[in-house]
PDB file of N, CA and C in Angstrom:
ATOM      1  N   MET A   1      35.008 204.597 164.203  1.00  0.00           N
ATOM      2  CA  MET A   1      34.913 205.926 164.759  1.00  0.00           C
ATOM      3  C   MET A   1      35.829 206.899 164.024  1.00  0.00           C
ATOM      4  N   ASN A   2      37.011 206.471 163.650  1.00  0.00           N
ATOM      5  CA  ASN A   2      37.948 207.369 162.984  1.00  0.00           C
ATOM      6  C   ASN A   2      37.438 207.822 161.626  1.00  0.00           C
ATOM      7  N   LYS A   3      36.685 206.987 160.953  1.00  0.00           N
ATOM      8  CA  LYS A   3      36.180 207.352 159.633  1.00  0.00           C
ATOM      9  C   LYS A   3      35.259 208.558 159.689  1.00  0.00           C
ATOM     10  N   LYS A   4      34.547 208.730 160.777  1.00  0.00           N
ATOM     11  CA  LYS A   4      33.666 209.882 160.907  1.00  0.00           C
ATOM     12  C   LYS A   4      34.455 211.181 160.828  1.00  0.00           C
ATOM     13  N   TYR A   5      35.629 211.216 161.407  1.00  0.00           N
ATOM     14  CA  TYR A   5      36.427 212.435 161.386  1.00  0.00           C
ATOM     15  C   TYR A   5      36.948 212.742 159.985  1.00  0.00           C
ATOM     16  N   PHE A   6      37.232 211.714 159.210  1.00  0.00           N
ATOM     17  CA  PHE A   6      37.702 211.956 157.854  1.00  0.00           C
ATOM     18  C   PHE A   6      36.559 212.394 156.942  1.00  0.00           C
ATOM     19  N   ALA A   7      35.340 212.040 157.314  1.00  0.00           N
ATOM     20  CA  ALA A   7      34.192 212.441 156.515  1.00  0.00           C
ATOM     21  C   ALA A   7      33.844 213.911 156.747  1.00  0.00           C
ATOM     22  N   TYR A   8      34.336 214.501 157.825  1.00  0.00           N
ATOM     23  CA  TYR A   8      34.044 215.889 158.165  1.00  0.00           C
ATOM     24  C   TYR A   8      35.358 216.663 158.302  1.00  0.00           C
ATOM     25  N   PRO A   9      35.893 217.187 157.202  1.00  0.00           N
ATOM     26  CA  PRO A   9      37.187 217.879 157.258  1.00  0.00           C
ATOM     27  C   PRO A   9      37.202 219.061 158.231  1.00  0.00           C
ATOM     28  N   TYR A  10      36.066 219.715 158.420  1.00  0.00           N
ATOM     29  CA  TYR A  10      36.015 220.836 159.341  1.00  0.00           C
ATOM     30  C   TYR A  10      36.417 220.394 160.751  1.00  0.00           C
ATOM     31  N   VAL A  11      35.973 219.211 161.159  1.00  0.00           N
ATOM     32  CA  VAL A  11      36.323 218.694 162.472  1.00  0.00           C
ATOM     33  C   VAL A  11      37.821 218.455 162.548  1.00  0.00           C
ATOM     34  N   LEU A  12      38.414 217.905 161.514  1.00  0.00           N
ATOM     35  CA  LEU A  12      39.859 217.677 161.496  1.00  0.00           C
ATOM     36  C   LEU A  12      40.632 218.977 161.638  1.00  0.00           C
ATOM     37  N   LEU A  13      40.180 220.005 160.983  1.00  0.00           N
ATOM     38  CA  LEU A  13      40.895 221.268 160.997  1.00  0.00           C
ATOM     39  C   LEU A  13      40.735 222.040 162.300  1.00  0.00           C
ATOM     40  N   THR A  14      39.725 221.727 163.080  1.00  0.00           N
ATOM     41  CA  THR A  14      39.486 222.481 164.308  1.00  0.00           C
ATOM     42  C   THR A  14      39.959 221.760 165.558  1.00  0.00           C
ATOM     43  N   ARG A  15      40.440 220.551 165.439  1.00  0.00           N
ATOM     44  CA  ARG A  15      40.921 219.819 166.609  1.00  0.00           C
ATOM     45  C   ARG A  15      42.301 220.333 167.001  1.00  0.00           C
ATOM     46  N   GLY A  16      42.564 220.379 168.297  1.00  0.00           N
ATOM     47  CA  GLY A  16      43.857 220.849 168.784  1.00  0.00           C
ATOM     48  C   GLY A  16      44.939 219.806 168.598  1.00  0.00           C
ATOM     49  N   PRO A  17      46.203 220.202 168.715  1.00  0.00           N
ATOM     50  CA  PRO A  17      47.300 219.249 168.579  1.00  0.00           C
ATOM     51  C   PRO A  17      47.241 218.200 169.681  1.00  0.00           C
ATOM     52  N   GLY A  18      47.546 216.978 169.329  1.00  0.00           N
ATOM     53  CA  GLY A  18      47.553 215.894 170.302  1.00  0.00           C
ATOM     54  C   GLY A  18      46.205 215.252 170.538  1.00  0.00           C
ATOM     55  N   ASP A  19      45.150 215.767 169.947  1.00  0.00           N
ATOM     56  CA  ASP A  19      43.825 215.188 170.109  1.00  0.00           C
ATOM     57  C   ASP A  19      43.566 214.228 168.963  1.00  0.00           C
ATOM     58  N   THR A  20      43.875 212.969 169.168  1.00  0.00           N
ATOM     59  CA  THR A  20      43.674 211.977 168.134  1.00  0.00           C
ATOM     60  C   THR A  20      42.310 211.341 168.321  1.00  0.00           C
ATOM     61  N   PRO A  21      41.482 211.329 167.300  1.00  0.00           N
ATOM     62  CA  PRO A  21      40.178 210.694 167.429  1.00  0.00           C
ATOM     63  C   PRO A  21      40.309 209.241 167.879  1.00  0.00           C
ATOM     64  N   GLY A  22      39.461 208.836 168.807  1.00  0.00           N
ATOM     65  CA  GLY A  22      39.467 207.461 169.271  1.00  0.00           C
ATOM     66  C   GLY A  22      40.574 207.148 170.249  1.00  0.00           C
ATOM     67  N   ASP A  23      41.171 208.164 170.879  1.00  0.00           N
ATOM     68  CA  ASP A  23      42.265 207.944 171.820  1.00  0.00           C
ATOM     69  C   ASP A  23      41.848 207.163 173.057  1.00  0.00           C
ATOM     70  N   GLY A  24      40.602 207.209 173.428  1.00  0.00           N
ATOM     71  CA  GLY A  24      40.174 206.462 174.603  1.00  0.00           C
ATOM     72  C   GLY A  24      39.582 207.364 175.656  1.00  0.00           C
ATOM     73  N   ASP A  25      40.084 207.243 176.877  1.00  0.00           N
ATOM     74  CA  ASP A  25      39.510 207.934 178.021  1.00  0.00           C
ATOM     75  C   ASP A  25      39.600 209.447 177.912  1.00  0.00           C
ATOM     76  N   ASP A  26      38.630 210.097 178.528  1.00  0.00           N
ATOM     77  CA  ASP A  26      38.620 211.549 178.621  1.00  0.00           C
ATOM     78  C   ASP A  26      39.658 211.976 179.639  1.00  0.00           C
ATOM     79  N   SER A  27      40.527 212.896 179.274  1.00  0.00           N
ATOM     80  CA  SER A  27      41.559 213.342 180.206  1.00  0.00           C
ATOM     81  C   SER A  27      41.269 214.743 180.707  1.00  0.00           C
ATOM     82  N   GLY A  28      40.023 215.072 180.895  1.00  0.00           N
ATOM     83  CA  GLY A  28      39.634 216.417 181.273  1.00  0.00           C
ATOM     84  C   GLY A  28      39.866 216.786 182.723  1.00  0.00           C
ATOM     85  N   TYR A  29      40.323 215.857 183.559  1.00  0.00           N
ATOM     86  CA  TYR A  29      40.517 216.155 184.973  1.00  0.00           C
ATOM     87  C   TYR A  29      41.952 215.962 185.400  1.00  0.00           C
ATOM     88  N   GLY A  30      42.894 216.485 184.667  1.00  0.00           N
ATOM     89  CA  GLY A  30      44.293 216.328 185.019  1.00  0.00           C
ATOM     90  C   GLY A  30      44.947 215.232 184.221  1.00  0.00           C
ATOM     91  N   SER A  31      46.253 215.235 184.202  1.00  0.00           N
ATOM     92  CA  SER A  31      46.973 214.321 183.333  1.00  0.00           C
ATOM     93  C   SER A  31      46.816 212.865 183.720  1.00  0.00           C
ATOM     94  N   GLY A  32      46.373 212.578 184.946  1.00  0.00           N
ATOM     95  CA  GLY A  32      46.234 211.194 185.351  1.00  0.00           C
ATOM     96  C   GLY A  32      44.835 210.658 185.288  1.00  0.00           C
ATOM     97  N   MET A  33      43.887 211.433 184.912  1.00  0.00           N
ATOM     98  CA  MET A  33      42.499 211.010 184.963  1.00  0.00           C
ATOM     99  C   MET A  33      42.202 209.885 183.994  1.00  0.00           C
ATOM    100  N   GLY A  34      41.866 208.707 184.522  1.00  0.00           N
ATOM    101  CA  GLY A  34      41.426 207.609 183.687  1.00  0.00           C
ATOM    102  C   GLY A  34      42.485 207.019 182.789  1.00  0.00           C
ATOM    103  N   THR A  35      43.745 207.284 183.031  1.00  0.00           N
ATOM    104  CA  THR A  35      44.799 206.754 182.181  1.00  0.00           C
ATOM    105  C   THR A  35      45.626 205.743 182.938  1.00  0.00           C
ATOM    106  N   PRO A  36      46.222 204.790 182.237  1.00  0.00           N
ATOM    107  CA  PRO A  36      46.993 203.755 182.915  1.00  0.00           C
ATOM    108  C   PRO A  36      48.264 204.282 183.579  1.00  0.00           C
ATOM    109  N   ASP A  37      48.696 205.506 183.255  1.00  0.00           N
ATOM    110  CA  ASP A  37      49.919 206.030 183.861  1.00  0.00           C
ATOM    111  C   ASP A  37      49.673 206.715 185.201  1.00  0.00           C
ATOM    112  N   ALA A  38      48.435 206.727 185.689  1.00  0.00           N
ATOM    113  CA  ALA A  38      48.148 207.278 187.010  1.00  0.00           C
ATOM    114  C   ALA A  38      48.679 206.300 188.047  1.00  0.00           C
ATOM    115  N   THR A  39      49.597 206.759 188.870  1.00  0.00           N
ATOM    116  CA  THR A  39      50.195 205.897 189.877  1.00  0.00           C
ATOM    117  C   THR A  39      49.897 206.453 191.259  1.00  0.00           C
ATOM    118  N   PRO A  40      49.827 205.582 192.254  1.00  0.00           N
ATOM    119  CA  PRO A  40      49.593 206.047 193.612  1.00  0.00           C
ATOM    120  C   PRO A  40      50.663 207.057 194.025  1.00  0.00           C
ATOM    121  N   CYS A  41      50.244 208.070 194.758  1.00  0.00           N
ATOM    122  CA  CYS A  41      51.174 209.084 195.241  1.00  0.00           C
ATOM    123  C   CYS A  41      50.575 209.752 196.469  1.00  0.00           C
ATOM    124  N   ASP A  42      51.405 210.473 197.208  1.00  0.00           N
ATOM    125  CA  ASP A  42      50.892 211.188 198.368  1.00  0.00           C
ATOM    126  C   ASP A  42      50.226 212.483 197.921  1.00  0.00           C
ATOM    127  N   PHE A  43      49.578 213.164 198.874  1.00  0.00           N
ATOM    128  CA  PHE A  43      48.803 214.355 198.565  1.00  0.00           C
ATOM    129  C   PHE A  43      49.664 215.465 197.961  1.00  0.00           C
ATOM    130  N   SER A  44      50.852 215.690 198.502  1.00  0.00           N
ATOM    131  CA  SER A  44      51.691 216.780 197.984  1.00  0.00           C
ATOM    132  C   SER A  44      52.175 216.492 196.567  1.00  0.00           C
ATOM    133  N   THR A  45      52.481 215.242 196.257  1.00  0.00           N
ATOM    134  CA  THR A  45      52.878 214.879 194.890  1.00  0.00           C
ATOM    135  C   THR A  45      51.690 215.032 193.952  1.00  0.00           C
ATOM    136  N   TRP A  46      50.505 214.646 194.407  1.00  0.00           N
ATOM    137  CA  TRP A  46      49.298 214.821 193.598  1.00  0.00           C
ATOM    138  C   TRP A  46      49.082 216.290 193.271  1.00  0.00           C
ATOM    139  N   GLN A  47      49.273 217.170 194.261  1.00  0.00           N
ATOM    140  CA  GLN A  47      49.094 218.602 194.030  1.00  0.00           C
ATOM    141  C   GLN A  47      50.044 219.119 192.951  1.00  0.00           C
ATOM    142  N   GLN A  48      51.241 218.594 192.891  1.00  0.00           N
ATOM    143  CA  GLN A  48      52.238 219.040 191.916  1.00  0.00           C
ATOM    144  C   GLN A  48      52.009 218.435 190.535  1.00  0.00           C
ATOM    145  N   SER A  49      51.528 217.201 190.490  1.00  0.00           N
ATOM    146  CA  SER A  49      51.465 216.485 189.216  1.00  0.00           C
ATOM    147  C   SER A  49      50.072 216.337 188.616  1.00  0.00           C
ATOM    148  N   PHE A  50      49.059 216.115 189.441  1.00  0.00           N
ATOM    149  CA  PHE A  50      47.742 215.755 188.927  1.00  0.00           C
ATOM    150  C   PHE A  50      46.606 216.649 189.411  1.00  0.00           C
ATOM    151  N   ALA A  51      46.886 217.668 190.172  1.00  0.00           N
ATOM    152  CA  ALA A  51      45.848 218.454 190.830  1.00  0.00           C
ATOM    153  C   ALA A  51      44.735 218.875 189.880  1.00  0.00           C
ATOM    154  N   CYS A  52      43.501 218.645 190.306  1.00  0.00           N
ATOM    155  CA  CYS A  52      42.325 219.013 189.533  1.00  0.00           C
ATOM    156  C   CYS A  52      41.137 219.122 190.491  1.00  0.00           C
ATOM    157  N   ASP A  53      40.177 219.934 190.117  1.00  0.00           N
ATOM    158  CA  ASP A  53      38.995 220.156 190.951  1.00  0.00           C
ATOM    159  C   ASP A  53      37.938 219.119 190.595  1.00  0.00           C
ATOM    160  N   MET A  54      38.010 217.960 191.223  1.00  0.00           N
ATOM    161  CA  MET A  54      37.120 216.848 190.914  1.00  0.00           C
ATOM    162  C   MET A  54      35.688 217.063 191.404  1.00  0.00           C
ATOM    163  N   ASP A  55      35.502 217.821 192.474  1.00  0.00           N
ATOM    164  CA  ASP A  55      34.154 217.997 193.016  1.00  0.00           C
ATOM    165  C   ASP A  55      33.527 219.336 192.631  1.00  0.00           C
ATOM    166  N   GLY A  56      34.244 220.154 191.872  1.00  0.00           N
ATOM    167  CA  GLY A  56      33.690 221.390 191.344  1.00  0.00           C
ATOM    168  C   GLY A  56      33.435 222.476 192.367  1.00  0.00           C
ATOM    169  N   ASP A  57      34.121 222.435 193.518  1.00  0.00           N
ATOM    170  CA  ASP A  57      33.889 223.460 194.534  1.00  0.00           C
ATOM    171  C   ASP A  57      34.868 224.630 194.453  1.00  0.00           C
ATOM    172  N   GLY A  58      35.719 224.646 193.440  1.00  0.00           N
ATOM    173  CA  GLY A  58      36.603 225.784 193.222  1.00  0.00           C
ATOM    174  C   GLY A  58      37.980 225.677 193.845  1.00  0.00           C
ATOM    175  N   ASP A  59      38.254 224.598 194.554  1.00  0.00           N
ATOM    176  CA  ASP A  59      39.594 224.414 195.104  1.00  0.00           C
ATOM    177  C   ASP A  59      40.072 222.987 194.845  1.00  0.00           C
ATOM    178  N   MET A  60      41.338 222.735 195.129  1.00  0.00           N
ATOM    179  CA  MET A  60      41.900 221.401 194.947  1.00  0.00           C
ATOM    180  C   MET A  60      42.412 220.933 196.302  1.00  0.00           C
ATOM    181  N   ASP A  61      41.547 220.199 197.001  1.00  0.00           N
ATOM    182  CA  ASP A  61      41.849 219.775 198.357  1.00  0.00           C
ATOM    183  C   ASP A  61      41.882 218.250 198.464  1.00  0.00           C
ATOM    184  N   ARG A  62      41.913 217.764 199.690  1.00  0.00           N
ATOM    185  CA  ARG A  62      42.013 216.312 199.907  1.00  0.00           C
ATOM    186  C   ARG A  62      40.813 215.538 199.362  1.00  0.00           C
ATOM    187  N   GLU A  63      39.653 216.165 199.314  1.00  0.00           N
ATOM    188  CA  GLU A  63      38.490 215.485 198.732  1.00  0.00           C
ATOM    189  C   GLU A  63      38.689 215.298 197.226  1.00  0.00           C
ATOM    190  N   ASP A  64      39.260 216.273 196.567  1.00  0.00           N
ATOM    191  CA  ASP A  64      39.572 216.127 195.142  1.00  0.00           C
ATOM    192  C   ASP A  64      40.595 215.019 194.941  1.00  0.00           C
ATOM    193  N   TYR A  65      41.584 214.957 195.806  1.00  0.00           N
ATOM    194  CA  TYR A  65      42.607 213.903 195.773  1.00  0.00           C
ATOM    195  C   TYR A  65      41.962 212.525 195.940  1.00  0.00           C
ATOM    196  N   ARG A  66      41.051 212.403 196.903  1.00  0.00           N
ATOM    197  CA  ARG A  66      40.363 211.126 197.143  1.00  0.00           C
ATOM    198  C   ARG A  66      39.532 210.715 195.921  1.00  0.00           C
ATOM    199  N   ARG A  67      38.811 211.669 195.343  1.00  0.00           N
ATOM    200  CA  ARG A  67      38.002 211.363 194.163  1.00  0.00           C
ATOM    201  C   ARG A  67      38.875 211.001 192.964  1.00  0.00           C
ATOM    202  N   TRP A  68      40.010 211.672 192.807  1.00  0.00           N
ATOM    203  CA  TRP A  68      40.954 211.338 191.737  1.00  0.00           C
ATOM    204  C   TRP A  68      41.447 209.903 191.914  1.00  0.00           C
ATOM    205  N   TRP A  69      41.783 209.547 193.143  1.00  0.00           N
ATOM    206  CA  TRP A  69      42.262 208.208 193.468  1.00  0.00           C
ATOM    207  C   TRP A  69      41.221 207.164 193.054  1.00  0.00           C
ATOM    208  N   LEU A  70      39.970 207.382 193.438  1.00  0.00           N
ATOM    209  CA  LEU A  70      38.893 206.449 193.112  1.00  0.00           C
ATOM    210  C   LEU A  70      38.629 206.398 191.605  1.00  0.00           C
ATOM    211  N   SER A  71      38.679 207.533 190.929  1.00  0.00           N
ATOM    212  CA  SER A  71      38.389 207.565 189.493  1.00  0.00           C
ATOM    213  C   SER A  71      39.448 206.838 188.680  1.00  0.00           C
ATOM    214  N   ASN A  72      40.645 206.725 189.223  1.00  0.00           N
ATOM    215  CA  ASN A  72      41.716 206.009 188.538  1.00  0.00           C
ATOM    216  C   ASN A  72      41.826 204.557 188.985  1.00  0.00           C
ATOM    217  N   HIS A  73      40.891 204.126 189.833  1.00  0.00           N
ATOM    218  CA  HIS A  73      40.818 202.740 190.290  1.00  0.00           C
ATOM    219  C   HIS A  73      42.118 202.290 190.951  1.00  0.00           C
ATOM    220  N   LEU A  74      42.710 203.185 191.725  1.00  0.00           N
ATOM    221  CA  LEU A  74      43.911 202.823 192.473  1.00  0.00           C
ATOM    222  C   LEU A  74      43.491 202.054 193.715  1.00  0.00           C
ATOM    223  N   SER A  75      44.345 201.196 194.205  1.00  0.00           N
ATOM    224  CA  SER A  75      43.952 200.253 195.250  1.00  0.00           C
ATOM    225  C   SER A  75      43.793 200.901 196.628  1.00  0.00           C
ATOM    226  N   ALA A  76      42.905 200.294 197.412  1.00  0.00           N
ATOM    227  CA  ALA A  76      42.685 200.738 198.784  1.00  0.00           C
ATOM    228  C   ALA A  76      43.916 200.444 199.639  1.00  0.00           C
ATOM    229  N   GLU A  77      44.636 199.385 199.318  1.00  0.00           N
ATOM    230  CA  GLU A  77      45.852 199.052 200.057  1.00  0.00           C
ATOM    231  C   GLU A  77      46.909 200.134 199.877  1.00  0.00           C
ATOM    232  N   ALA A  78      47.086 200.600 198.643  1.00  0.00           N
ATOM    233  CA  ALA A  78      48.048 201.669 198.383  1.00  0.00           C
ATOM    234  C   ALA A  78      47.604 202.960 199.065  1.00  0.00           C
ATOM    235  N   TRP A  79      46.285 203.223 199.093  1.00  0.00           N
ATOM    236  CA  TRP A  79      45.766 204.403 199.791  1.00  0.00           C
ATOM    237  C   TRP A  79      46.214 204.371 201.245  1.00  0.00           C
ATOM    238  N   GLY A  80      46.093 203.208 201.895  1.00  0.00           N
ATOM    239  CA  GLY A  80      46.505 203.069 203.288  1.00  0.00           C
ATOM    240  C   GLY A  80      47.985 203.323 203.488  1.00  0.00           C
ATOM    241  N   ASP A  81      48.807 202.959 202.501  1.00  0.00           N
ATOM    242  CA  ASP A  81      50.250 203.208 202.591  1.00  0.00           C
ATOM    243  C   ASP A  81      50.563 204.695 202.495  1.00  0.00           C
ATOM    244  N   TYR A  82      49.892 205.400 201.600  1.00  0.00           N
ATOM    245  CA  TYR A  82      50.172 206.816 201.364  1.00  0.00           C
ATOM    246  C   TYR A  82      49.391 207.743 202.298  1.00  0.00           C
ATOM    247  N   ASN A  83      48.286 207.259 202.837  1.00  0.00           N
ATOM    248  CA  ASN A  83      47.405 208.086 203.662  1.00  0.00           C
ATOM    249  C   ASN A  83      46.977 207.345 204.927  1.00  0.00           C
ATOM    250  N   PRO A  84      47.924 207.020 205.795  1.00  0.00           N
ATOM    251  CA  PRO A  84      47.569 206.257 206.995  1.00  0.00           C
ATOM    252  C   PRO A  84      46.575 207.015 207.881  1.00  0.00           C
ATOM    253  N   GLY A  85      45.572 206.282 208.349  1.00  0.00           N
ATOM    254  CA  GLY A  85      44.584 206.861 209.242  1.00  0.00           C
ATOM    255  C   GLY A  85      43.456 207.607 208.549  1.00  0.00           C
ATOM    256  N   ILE A  86      43.483 207.693 207.216  1.00  0.00           N
ATOM    257  CA  ILE A  86      42.414 208.375 206.473  1.00  0.00           C
ATOM    258  C   ILE A  86      41.644 207.322 205.695  1.00  0.00           C
ATOM    259  N   ASP A  87      40.338 207.258 205.921  1.00  0.00           N
ATOM    260  CA  ASP A  87      39.487 206.266 205.271  1.00  0.00           C
ATOM    261  C   ASP A  87      39.199 206.671 203.828  1.00  0.00           C
ATOM    262  N   LEU A  88      39.526 205.816 202.891  1.00  0.00           N
ATOM    263  CA  LEU A  88      39.305 206.077 201.470  1.00  0.00           C
ATOM    264  C   LEU A  88      37.823 206.240 201.130  1.00  0.00           C
ATOM    265  N   ASN A  89      36.964 205.562 201.855  1.00  0.00           N
ATOM    266  CA  ASN A  89      35.540 205.575 201.546  1.00  0.00           C
ATOM    267  C   ASN A  89      34.767 206.700 202.232  1.00  0.00           C
ATOM    268  N   GLN A  90      35.414 207.521 203.035  1.00  0.00           N
ATOM    269  CA  GLN A  90      34.764 208.635 203.696  1.00  0.00           C
ATOM    270  C   GLN A  90      35.187 209.955 203.042  1.00  0.00           C
ATOM    271  N   PRO A  91      34.241 210.775 202.643  1.00  0.00           N
ATOM    272  CA  PRO A  91      34.587 212.086 202.070  1.00  0.00           C
ATOM    273  C   PRO A  91      35.418 212.901 203.056  1.00  0.00           C
ATOM    274  N   ASN A  92      36.370 213.650 202.521  1.00  0.00           N
ATOM    275  CA  ASN A  92      37.219 214.518 203.346  1.00  0.00           C
ATOM    276  C   ASN A  92      36.690 215.937 203.287  1.00  0.00           C
ATOM    277  N   PRO A  93      36.655 216.600 204.428  1.00  0.00           N
ATOM    278  CA  PRO A  93      36.168 217.993 204.431  1.00  0.00           C
ATOM    279  C   PRO A  93      37.135 218.935 203.732  1.00  0.00           C
TER     280      PRO A  93
END
């Protein structure tokens, strides 16, 4: 995959800093999206560190937090520790 970028110098010159070809997961939904450094956290910490509009409705609410949690494959057990009484598998209004 990296060889393709060297074959097209225009692509190399137009890429932003820190965008290394073949880096892996898409990080388009906040700094924790799909990366191994995403760690379980409560809603307020998520808002400060990882907040992103996962459902595309224009705000960053508990449903976005739930979808972020699922997209990072964080455990249901940890969800229960950080969000007691809220079902991980039920969408939040």
